[in-house]
């Protein structure tokens, strides 16, 4: 086999694998350097020049001219060197040409193995670089394999993996299905690049909106936040930089055309599009839709919100498995607690301080003693350890027991009054309903 035939056989393999000529030349150079090292034990004094166009391979081995050869890989005898170059002297460098065909059949076998390995490495690197540049892009592929925890999607013979966590829970995939998914991550492993795709990631929903709503791609409308329960419900906050363009309207589209296209892609996932507001109470109220709170108590510093709803609205405010309130919390970045109006009013009443001077039967002297100890309310007394109260001069065990007894009696009377008031209110309501 001549060098030209050898290069041609390599070229045909490279063409099948889409390896360009420059890369092929580098592979052949590495191949022969590897063969030289195996043959001679060292290739540091060798160089390989490959001319793909001419089909030529030249291997040069640099040696030093010596009187007596001790190292045939790095040295050449003066007498032998003078036959090639008569002007050489001891210590001069000598370039010896190695015939690549000297390696014979072993060359062909080793060449094919190394070439195949090099091509696999190049293919893997090319795939890795291609998909690394496509992270956060939506790709379209065909489902080829379905395992218990993974679905494998192929694009041009390239394998992409979608784990269970990245799938939409209620979706069922079958071999041959064509699906859209987001390239989530790309890592190089000993087996090659691992490309993870996702349909459950928030960014997948973002990209779907970007594809359907030109104003988002143009930067006129910005998606500020996304919260998803993949396959079931999602909430997104949008903002328009152009006052003439309604952000929610643009995302929904004429007669809902844009958002319906996204909902269909997500197999019916409901999407609430929320118009951004700089006022936290407005933003949180919108995020809690479809229910509307009657009161919001917001702590901006702690990013906390207590939302009060009419008793009949509390179920839709919370949502199934707390889904609505959890999504509202995630999308606004506020911790949101929801409470019934009746419950809030009751707790509010309980929180209202009851002063000791309101309690019937406590003497002025005892009140003055307790006030000097900074105990003014029933709550102050109940929250103080018994030993601490007994340490107060003028308060003994019997006095404290009588004090607690009078407070208990007073609280029972208050509770009875509240109950009677509530029952009376309910009777009035029923009477009005009958009328």
Protein backbone atom coordinates (compact mmCIF):
# COMPACT_ATOMS: atom_id res chain seq x y z
CA UNK A 1 0.00 0.00 0.00
CA UNK A 2 1.42 3.37 -1.03
CA UNK A 3 1.16 6.51 1.12
CA UNK A 4 -1.36 7.97 -1.32
CA UNK A 5 -3.62 4.92 -1.01
CA UNK A 6 -3.31 5.04 2.75
CA UNK A 7 -4.34 8.70 2.86
CA UNK A 8 -7.24 8.04 0.50
CA UNK A 9 -8.55 5.25 2.72
CA UNK A 10 -8.36 7.61 5.70
CA UNK A 11 -10.06 10.38 3.71
CA UNK A 12 -13.03 8.20 2.81
CA UNK A 13 -13.63 7.38 6.49
CA UNK A 14 -13.29 11.06 7.41
CA UNK A 15 -15.78 12.10 4.73
CA UNK A 16 -18.37 9.70 6.13
CA UNK A 17 -17.94 11.26 9.56
CA UNK A 18 -17.82 14.89 8.34
CA UNK A 19 -14.23 15.40 9.51
CA UNK A 20 -12.53 18.22 7.58
CA UNK A 21 -9.16 17.85 5.83
CA UNK A 22 -7.21 19.91 8.37
CA UNK A 23 -8.42 17.73 11.23
CA UNK A 24 -7.67 14.61 9.18
CA UNK A 25 -4.09 15.80 8.60
CA UNK A 26 -3.63 16.34 12.34
CA UNK A 27 -5.05 12.88 13.08
CA UNK A 28 -2.64 11.22 10.61
CA UNK A 29 0.31 13.12 12.11
CA UNK A 30 -0.65 11.95 15.61
CA UNK A 31 -1.13 8.44 14.27
CA UNK A 32 2.36 8.13 12.85
CA UNK A 33 4.00 9.75 15.85
CA UNK A 34 2.23 7.13 17.96
CA UNK A 35 3.49 4.34 15.70
CA UNK A 36 7.05 5.71 15.80
CA UNK A 37 6.91 5.81 19.60
CA UNK A 38 5.72 2.20 19.73
CA UNK A 39 8.44 1.14 17.27
CA UNK A 40 11.37 3.06 18.74
CA UNK A 41 10.24 3.84 22.27
CA UNK A 42 10.58 7.61 21.71
CA UNK A 43 9.15 10.05 19.16
CA UNK A 44 10.42 13.35 20.61
CA UNK A 45 13.06 13.65 17.88
CA UNK A 46 10.54 12.90 15.11
CA UNK A 47 8.23 15.05 13.04
CA UNK A 48 5.51 14.09 10.58
CA UNK A 49 4.42 16.15 7.59
CA UNK A 50 1.18 15.21 5.83
CA UNK A 51 0.09 16.63 2.49
CA UNK A 52 -3.50 15.54 1.95
CA UNK A 53 -3.76 17.05 -1.53
CA UNK A 54 -0.69 15.23 -2.85
CA UNK A 55 -1.27 12.09 -0.82
CA UNK A 56 2.19 12.28 0.77
CA UNK A 57 3.36 11.34 4.27
CA UNK A 58 6.90 12.18 5.32
CA UNK A 59 8.42 11.13 8.66
CA UNK A 60 11.68 12.77 9.75
CA UNK A 61 13.87 11.54 12.62
CA UNK A 62 16.63 13.86 13.87
CA UNK A 63 19.82 12.14 15.03
CA UNK A 64 23.25 13.25 16.16
CA UNK A 65 26.38 12.18 14.23
CA UNK A 66 28.71 10.14 16.50
CA UNK A 67 31.80 7.95 16.18
CA UNK A 68 30.18 4.94 17.82
CA UNK A 69 26.42 4.50 18.21
CA UNK A 70 25.10 3.73 21.72
CA UNK A 71 21.54 4.95 21.13
CA UNK A 72 20.30 4.05 17.61
CA UNK A 73 17.10 6.09 18.08
CA UNK A 74 18.96 9.36 18.64
CA UNK A 75 22.41 8.69 17.12
CA UNK A 76 23.91 7.74 13.72
CA UNK A 77 27.42 6.56 12.88
CA UNK A 78 29.61 9.15 11.09
CA UNK A 79 30.56 6.72 8.35
CA UNK A 80 26.94 5.97 7.53
CA UNK A 81 25.91 9.64 7.65
CA UNK A 82 28.74 10.67 5.29
CA UNK A 83 27.30 8.41 2.60
CA UNK A 84 24.23 10.65 2.55
CA UNK A 85 25.82 14.03 3.34
CA UNK A 86 29.63 14.14 2.75
CA UNK A 87 30.12 17.45 4.60
CA UNK A 88 28.94 16.25 8.01
CA UNK A 89 31.15 16.20 11.08
CA UNK A 90 30.89 14.64 14.53
CA UNK A 91 28.18 16.28 16.63
CA UNK A 92 26.24 17.58 13.62
CA UNK A 93 22.48 16.90 13.40
CA UNK A 94 21.36 14.40 10.78
CA UNK A 95 17.80 14.10 9.43
CA UNK A 96 16.82 10.55 8.57
CA UNK A 97 13.73 9.85 6.49
CA UNK A 98 11.49 6.99 7.73
CA UNK A 99 9.33 5.24 5.18
CA UNK A 100 5.76 5.14 6.56
CA UNK A 101 5.15 1.84 4.81
CA UNK A 102 7.84 0.29 6.98
CA UNK A 103 5.13 -0.41 9.57
CA UNK A 104 3.27 -2.77 7.20
CA UNK A 105 0.00 -4.46 8.19
CA UNK A 106 0.44 -3.40 11.78
CA UNK A 107 0.22 0.18 10.52
CA UNK A 108 -3.12 -0.44 8.82
CA UNK A 109 -4.65 -2.14 11.86
CA UNK A 110 -3.39 0.45 14.35
CA UNK A 111 -4.25 3.27 11.97
CA UNK A 112 -7.87 2.20 11.70
CA UNK A 113 -8.25 1.86 15.47
CA UNK A 114 -6.66 5.21 16.22
CA UNK A 115 -8.54 6.93 13.43
CA UNK A 116 -11.85 5.54 14.68
CA UNK A 117 -11.04 6.67 18.22
CA UNK A 118 -9.94 10.12 17.09
CA UNK A 119 -13.07 10.54 14.99
CA UNK A 120 -15.26 9.51 17.94
CA UNK A 121 -13.46 12.06 20.13
CA UNK A 122 -13.94 14.79 17.52
CA UNK A 123 -17.60 13.90 17.05
CA UNK A 124 -18.18 13.97 20.79
CA UNK A 125 -16.39 17.30 21.13
CA UNK A 126 -18.37 18.77 18.22
CA UNK A 127 -21.65 17.62 19.76
CA UNK A 128 -20.59 18.95 23.15
CA UNK A 129 -19.70 22.38 21.75
CA UNK A 130 -22.82 22.57 19.59
CA UNK A 131 -25.21 21.85 22.44
CA UNK A 132 -23.24 23.89 24.96
CA UNK A 133 -24.04 26.86 22.72
CA UNK A 134 -27.72 25.79 22.66
CA UNK A 135 -28.32 25.69 26.42
CA UNK A 136 -31.67 27.40 27.17
CA UNK A 137 -32.82 26.86 23.59
CA UNK A 138 -35.84 24.78 22.55
CA UNK A 139 -35.04 21.78 20.36
CA UNK A 140 -37.26 19.30 18.51
CA UNK A 141 -36.48 15.59 18.60
CA UNK A 142 -37.96 12.12 18.28
CA UNK A 143 -38.59 9.83 21.24
CA UNK A 144 -36.56 6.63 20.72
CA UNK A 145 -36.30 4.97 24.12
CA UNK A 146 -38.54 5.09 27.19
CA UNK A 147 -37.13 3.82 30.46
CA UNK A 148 -38.58 3.96 33.95
CA UNK A 149 -36.73 7.13 34.96
CA UNK A 150 -35.58 8.55 31.63
CA UNK A 151 -36.88 9.31 28.16
CA UNK A 152 -34.25 9.39 25.40
CA UNK A 153 -34.79 11.77 22.50
CA UNK A 154 -32.72 11.71 19.30
CA UNK A 155 -31.79 14.58 17.03
CA UNK A 156 -29.62 13.58 14.03
CA UNK A 157 -28.30 10.48 15.83
CA UNK A 158 -27.46 12.57 18.89
CA UNK A 159 -28.96 11.27 22.15
CA UNK A 160 -30.58 13.68 24.64
CA UNK A 161 -31.86 12.57 28.05
CA UNK A 162 -34.99 13.77 29.83
CA UNK A 163 -35.10 12.53 33.42
CA UNK A 164 -38.32 12.01 35.36
CA UNK A 165 -37.83 15.32 37.20
CA UNK A 166 -37.65 17.16 33.87
CA UNK A 167 -40.81 15.57 32.46
CA UNK A 168 -44.33 16.91 32.84
CA UNK A 169 -45.90 14.52 35.33
CA UNK A 170 -49.13 13.73 33.49
CA UNK A 171 -47.58 13.42 30.03
CA UNK A 172 -47.14 10.00 28.46
CA UNK A 173 -44.49 9.54 25.78
CA UNK A 174 -44.39 6.91 23.06
CA UNK A 175 -41.66 5.87 20.67
CA UNK A 176 -41.78 7.95 17.53
CA UNK A 177 -43.37 10.98 19.23
CA UNK A 178 -41.94 14.34 18.18
CA UNK A 179 -41.51 16.64 21.18
CA UNK A 180 -40.22 20.11 22.03
CA UNK A 181 -37.90 20.48 25.03
CA UNK A 182 -35.41 22.92 26.52
CA UNK A 183 -31.69 22.13 26.50
CA UNK A 184 -31.06 22.48 30.23
CA UNK A 185 -27.46 21.35 30.71
CA UNK A 186 -24.53 19.82 28.84
CA UNK A 187 -21.64 18.02 30.53
CA UNK A 188 -18.75 15.96 29.15
CA UNK A 189 -18.45 12.47 30.62
CA UNK A 190 -16.05 9.59 29.89
CA UNK A 191 -18.77 8.15 27.64
CA UNK A 192 -19.23 11.41 25.78
CA UNK A 193 -21.45 14.48 26.18
CA UNK A 194 -24.55 14.13 28.37
CA UNK A 195 -27.29 16.47 27.20
CA UNK A 196 -30.18 16.95 29.61
CA UNK A 197 -33.44 18.36 28.25
CA UNK A 198 -36.51 19.54 30.14
CA UNK A 199 -40.20 20.27 29.68
CA UNK A 200 -40.86 21.08 33.33
CA UNK A 201 -38.27 23.85 33.76
CA UNK A 202 -39.52 27.44 34.11
CA UNK A 203 -37.21 28.48 31.30
CA UNK A 204 -39.09 26.17 28.91
CA UNK A 205 -42.26 28.19 29.52
CA UNK A 206 -40.28 31.41 29.09
CA UNK A 207 -38.96 30.27 25.71
CA UNK A 208 -42.43 29.21 24.55
CA UNK A 209 -43.71 32.72 25.29
CA UNK A 210 -40.68 34.18 23.52
CA UNK A 211 -41.51 32.11 20.42
CA UNK A 212 -45.21 33.05 20.43
CA UNK A 213 -45.00 36.71 21.52
CA UNK A 214 -42.77 38.86 19.23
CA UNK A 215 -42.87 41.72 21.75
CA UNK A 216 -40.96 39.55 24.24
CA UNK A 217 -38.25 38.67 21.72
CA UNK A 218 -38.03 42.37 20.76
CA UNK A 219 -37.57 43.37 24.41
CA UNK A 220 -40.75 45.47 24.61
CA UNK A 221 -42.36 43.05 27.06
CA UNK A 222 -40.31 41.45 29.85
CA UNK A 223 -41.18 38.32 31.80
CA UNK A 224 -40.09 39.19 35.33
CA UNK A 225 -40.96 35.98 37.15
CA UNK A 226 -42.35 32.49 36.55
CA UNK A 227 -43.80 29.90 38.94
CA UNK A 228 -45.00 26.52 37.70
CA UNK A 229 -46.70 23.36 38.77
CA UNK A 230 -45.74 21.66 35.48
CA UNK A 231 -48.66 20.31 33.50
CA UNK A 232 -51.25 21.81 35.87
CA UNK A 233 -50.88 25.55 36.46
CA UNK A 234 -48.42 28.39 36.03
CA UNK A 235 -48.24 32.08 36.93
CA UNK A 236 -46.05 34.63 35.18
CA UNK A 237 -45.48 38.33 35.86
CA UNK A 238 -45.03 40.52 32.78
CA UNK A 239 -44.10 44.15 32.28
CA UNK A 240 -44.27 46.40 29.22
CA UNK A 241 -41.66 49.09 28.55
CA UNK A 242 -44.07 50.78 26.12
CA UNK A 243 -47.17 52.32 27.74
CA UNK A 244 -49.06 51.88 24.48
CA UNK A 245 -48.71 48.09 24.66
CA UNK A 246 -50.67 46.05 27.19
CA UNK A 247 -48.33 43.32 28.42
CA UNK A 248 -51.09 40.89 29.39
CA UNK A 249 -53.04 41.48 26.18
CA UNK A 250 -49.96 40.91 24.03
CA UNK A 251 -49.18 37.63 25.80
CA UNK A 252 -52.76 36.39 25.54
CA UNK A 253 -53.12 37.44 21.90
CA UNK A 254 -56.17 38.08 19.79
CA UNK A 255 -58.98 35.89 21.16
CA UNK A 256 -56.37 34.04 23.21
CA UNK A 257 -54.54 32.72 20.15
CA UNK A 258 -51.02 33.12 21.52
CA UNK A 259 -51.54 31.72 24.97
CA UNK A 260 -53.68 28.86 23.65
CA UNK A 261 -50.79 27.75 21.44
CA UNK A 262 -48.61 27.54 24.56
CA UNK A 263 -51.33 25.78 26.57
CA UNK A 264 -51.69 23.17 23.81
CA UNK A 265 -47.92 22.56 23.80
CA UNK A 266 -48.09 22.01 27.57
CA UNK A 267 -51.10 19.69 27.27
CA UNK A 268 -53.58 21.98 28.98
CA UNK A 269 -51.43 23.65 31.65
CA UNK A 270 -53.41 26.70 32.83
CA UNK A 271 -51.41 29.94 32.74
CA UNK A 272 -52.20 33.10 34.72
CA UNK A 273 -50.56 36.16 33.16
CA UNK A 274 -50.11 38.90 35.79
CA UNK A 275 -49.47 42.55 35.01
CA UNK A 276 -46.57 43.93 37.06
CA UNK A 277 -47.13 46.69 39.62
CA UNK A 278 -44.66 48.61 41.76
CA UNK A 279 -47.22 48.46 44.58
CA UNK A 280 -46.77 45.15 46.46
CA UNK A 281 -50.42 45.02 47.57
CA UNK A 282 -51.61 45.30 43.95
CA UNK A 283 -49.11 42.74 42.69
CA UNK A 284 -49.90 40.19 45.42
CA UNK A 285 -53.63 40.71 44.93
CA UNK A 286 -53.28 40.01 41.20
CA UNK A 287 -51.14 36.97 41.85
CA UNK A 288 -53.80 35.46 44.14
CA UNK A 289 -56.42 35.52 41.37
CA UNK A 290 -58.99 34.15 40.71
CA UNK A 291 -59.91 35.00 44.33
CA UNK A 292 -59.65 38.59 45.52
CA UNK A 293 -58.53 39.35 49.10
CA UNK A 294 -60.54 41.84 51.14
CA UNK A 295 -57.45 42.90 53.11
CA UNK A 296 -53.68 42.57 52.76
CA UNK A 297 -51.16 43.16 55.55
CA UNK A 298 -47.68 43.42 54.04
CA UNK A 299 -44.23 43.58 55.62
CA UNK A 300 -41.96 44.69 52.76
CA UNK A 301 -38.79 44.25 54.78
CA UNK A 302 -39.52 40.61 55.60
CA UNK A 303 -41.27 39.99 52.25
CA UNK A 304 -44.30 38.69 54.13
CA UNK A 305 -47.99 39.09 53.39
CA UNK A 306 -51.12 38.09 55.32
CA UNK A 307 -54.11 37.93 52.96
CA UNK A 308 -57.63 38.00 54.41
CA UNK A 309 -60.46 36.48 52.36
CA UNK A 310 -64.20 36.16 52.78
CA UNK A 311 -64.93 32.75 54.29
CA UNK A 312 -66.59 31.50 51.07
CA UNK A 313 -63.57 32.51 48.94
CA UNK A 314 -60.87 30.87 51.04
CA UNK A 315 -60.97 27.53 49.19
CA UNK A 316 -60.30 29.03 45.75
CA UNK A 317 -57.69 31.39 47.25
CA UNK A 318 -55.72 28.50 48.68
CA UNK A 319 -56.29 26.21 45.70
CA UNK A 320 -56.02 22.45 45.45
CA UNK A 321 -53.17 21.21 47.66
CA UNK A 322 -52.32 24.89 48.39
CA UNK A 323 -51.31 25.26 44.74
CA UNK A 324 -52.71 28.76 44.12
CA UNK A 325 -51.20 30.40 47.21
CA UNK A 326 -47.87 28.58 46.74
CA UNK A 327 -47.56 29.69 43.12
CA UNK A 328 -48.51 33.26 44.11
CA UNK A 329 -45.80 33.19 46.80
CA UNK A 330 -43.18 31.86 44.36
CA UNK A 331 -43.98 34.29 41.56
CA UNK A 332 -44.06 37.41 43.79
CA UNK A 333 -41.22 36.31 46.10
CA UNK A 334 -43.45 37.07 49.10
CA UNK A 335 -44.32 34.53 51.79
CA UNK A 336 -48.12 34.63 51.66
CA UNK A 337 -50.40 33.32 54.39
CA UNK A 338 -54.15 33.29 53.74
CA UNK A 339 -56.80 33.42 56.43
CA UNK A 340 -60.61 33.54 56.65
CA UNK A 341 -62.14 36.83 57.68
CA UNK A 342 -63.93 35.18 60.64
CA UNK A 343 -60.71 33.56 61.84
CA UNK A 344 -58.78 36.81 61.47
CA UNK A 345 -61.40 38.78 63.44
CA UNK A 346 -61.38 36.16 66.22
CA UNK A 347 -57.59 36.20 66.45
CA UNK A 348 -57.62 39.97 66.35
CA UNK A 349 -60.00 40.02 69.31
CA UNK A 350 -57.75 37.60 71.19
CA UNK A 351 -54.75 39.78 70.51
CA UNK A 352 -56.54 42.85 71.89
CA UNK A 353 -55.00 43.65 75.32
CA UNK A 354 -57.23 43.24 78.38
CA UNK A 355 -56.06 45.52 81.18
CA UNK A 356 -56.10 44.23 84.78
CA UNK A 357 -58.13 47.26 85.89
CA UNK A 358 -60.97 45.96 83.65
CA UNK A 359 -61.16 42.77 85.73
CA UNK A 360 -63.83 42.97 88.44
CA UNK A 361 -62.66 42.43 92.03
CA UNK A 362 -58.95 43.35 91.82
CA UNK A 363 -58.15 45.93 94.50
CA UNK A 364 -56.41 49.22 93.81
CA UNK A 365 -53.50 48.19 96.07
CA UNK A 366 -52.85 44.98 94.09
CA UNK A 367 -53.11 46.92 90.81
CA UNK A 368 -50.50 49.44 92.02
CA UNK A 369 -48.15 46.64 93.17
CA UNK A 370 -48.41 44.90 89.78
CA UNK A 371 -48.03 48.14 87.79
CA UNK A 372 -44.79 48.91 89.64
CA UNK A 373 -43.58 45.49 88.40
CA UNK A 374 -44.64 46.54 84.83
CA UNK A 375 -47.58 44.12 84.74
CA UNK A 376 -50.53 46.03 83.28
CA UNK A 377 -52.56 43.51 81.27
CA UNK A 378 -53.99 40.02 81.69
CA UNK A 379 -51.54 38.88 78.97
CA UNK A 380 -48.60 40.34 80.94
CA UNK A 381 -49.64 38.36 84.01
CA UNK A 382 -50.30 35.09 82.17
CA UNK A 383 -47.01 35.28 80.26
CA UNK A 384 -44.94 35.84 83.42
CA UNK A 385 -43.51 32.81 85.30
CA UNK A 386 -45.28 32.13 88.64
CA UNK A 387 -42.00 32.36 90.57
CA UNK A 388 -41.31 35.79 89.09
CA UNK A 389 -44.73 37.07 90.24
CA UNK A 390 -44.27 35.63 93.73
CA UNK A 391 -40.98 37.50 93.99
CA UNK A 392 -42.97 40.76 93.84
CA UNK A 393 -43.30 42.23 97.34
CA UNK A 394 -46.91 42.09 98.46
CA UNK A 395 -47.91 39.13 96.25
CA UNK A 396 -48.15 35.73 97.96
CA UNK A 397 -49.48 32.34 96.89
CA UNK A 398 -53.02 32.95 98.14
CA UNK A 399 -53.16 36.43 96.60
CA UNK A 400 -51.94 35.12 93.23
CA UNK A 401 -54.42 32.21 93.25
CA UNK A 402 -57.33 34.60 93.96
CA UNK A 403 -56.06 36.92 91.21
CA UNK A 404 -56.00 34.10 88.65
CA UNK A 405 -59.47 32.96 89.75
CA UNK A 406 -60.92 36.45 89.21
CA UNK A 407 -59.28 36.67 85.77
CA UNK A 408 -60.71 33.27 84.74
CA UNK A 409 -64.18 34.33 85.83
CA UNK A 410 -63.90 37.59 83.89
CA UNK A 411 -62.69 35.79 80.73
CA UNK A 412 -65.61 33.33 80.92
CA UNK A 413 -68.06 36.23 81.14
CA UNK A 414 -66.40 37.87 78.09
CA UNK A 415 -66.63 34.62 76.12
CA UNK A 416 -70.32 34.21 76.97
CA UNK A 417 -71.02 37.75 75.85
CA UNK A 418 -69.22 37.19 72.52
CA UNK A 419 -71.17 33.96 71.96
CA UNK A 420 -74.50 35.63 72.65
CA UNK A 421 -73.55 38.49 70.33
CA UNK A 422 -72.64 36.09 67.51
CA UNK A 423 -75.85 34.06 67.94
CA UNK A 424 -77.93 37.22 67.90
CA UNK A 425 -76.17 38.36 64.73
CA UNK A 426 -76.84 35.00 63.04
CA UNK A 427 -80.56 35.14 63.96
CA UNK A 428 -80.84 38.62 62.46
CA UNK A 429 -79.15 37.41 59.25
CA UNK A 430 -81.55 34.42 58.97
CA UNK A 431 -84.52 36.67 59.56
CA UNK A 432 -83.39 39.02 56.77
CA UNK A 433 -82.91 36.08 54.42
CA UNK A 434 -86.50 34.92 55.10
CA UNK A 435 -87.80 38.39 54.33
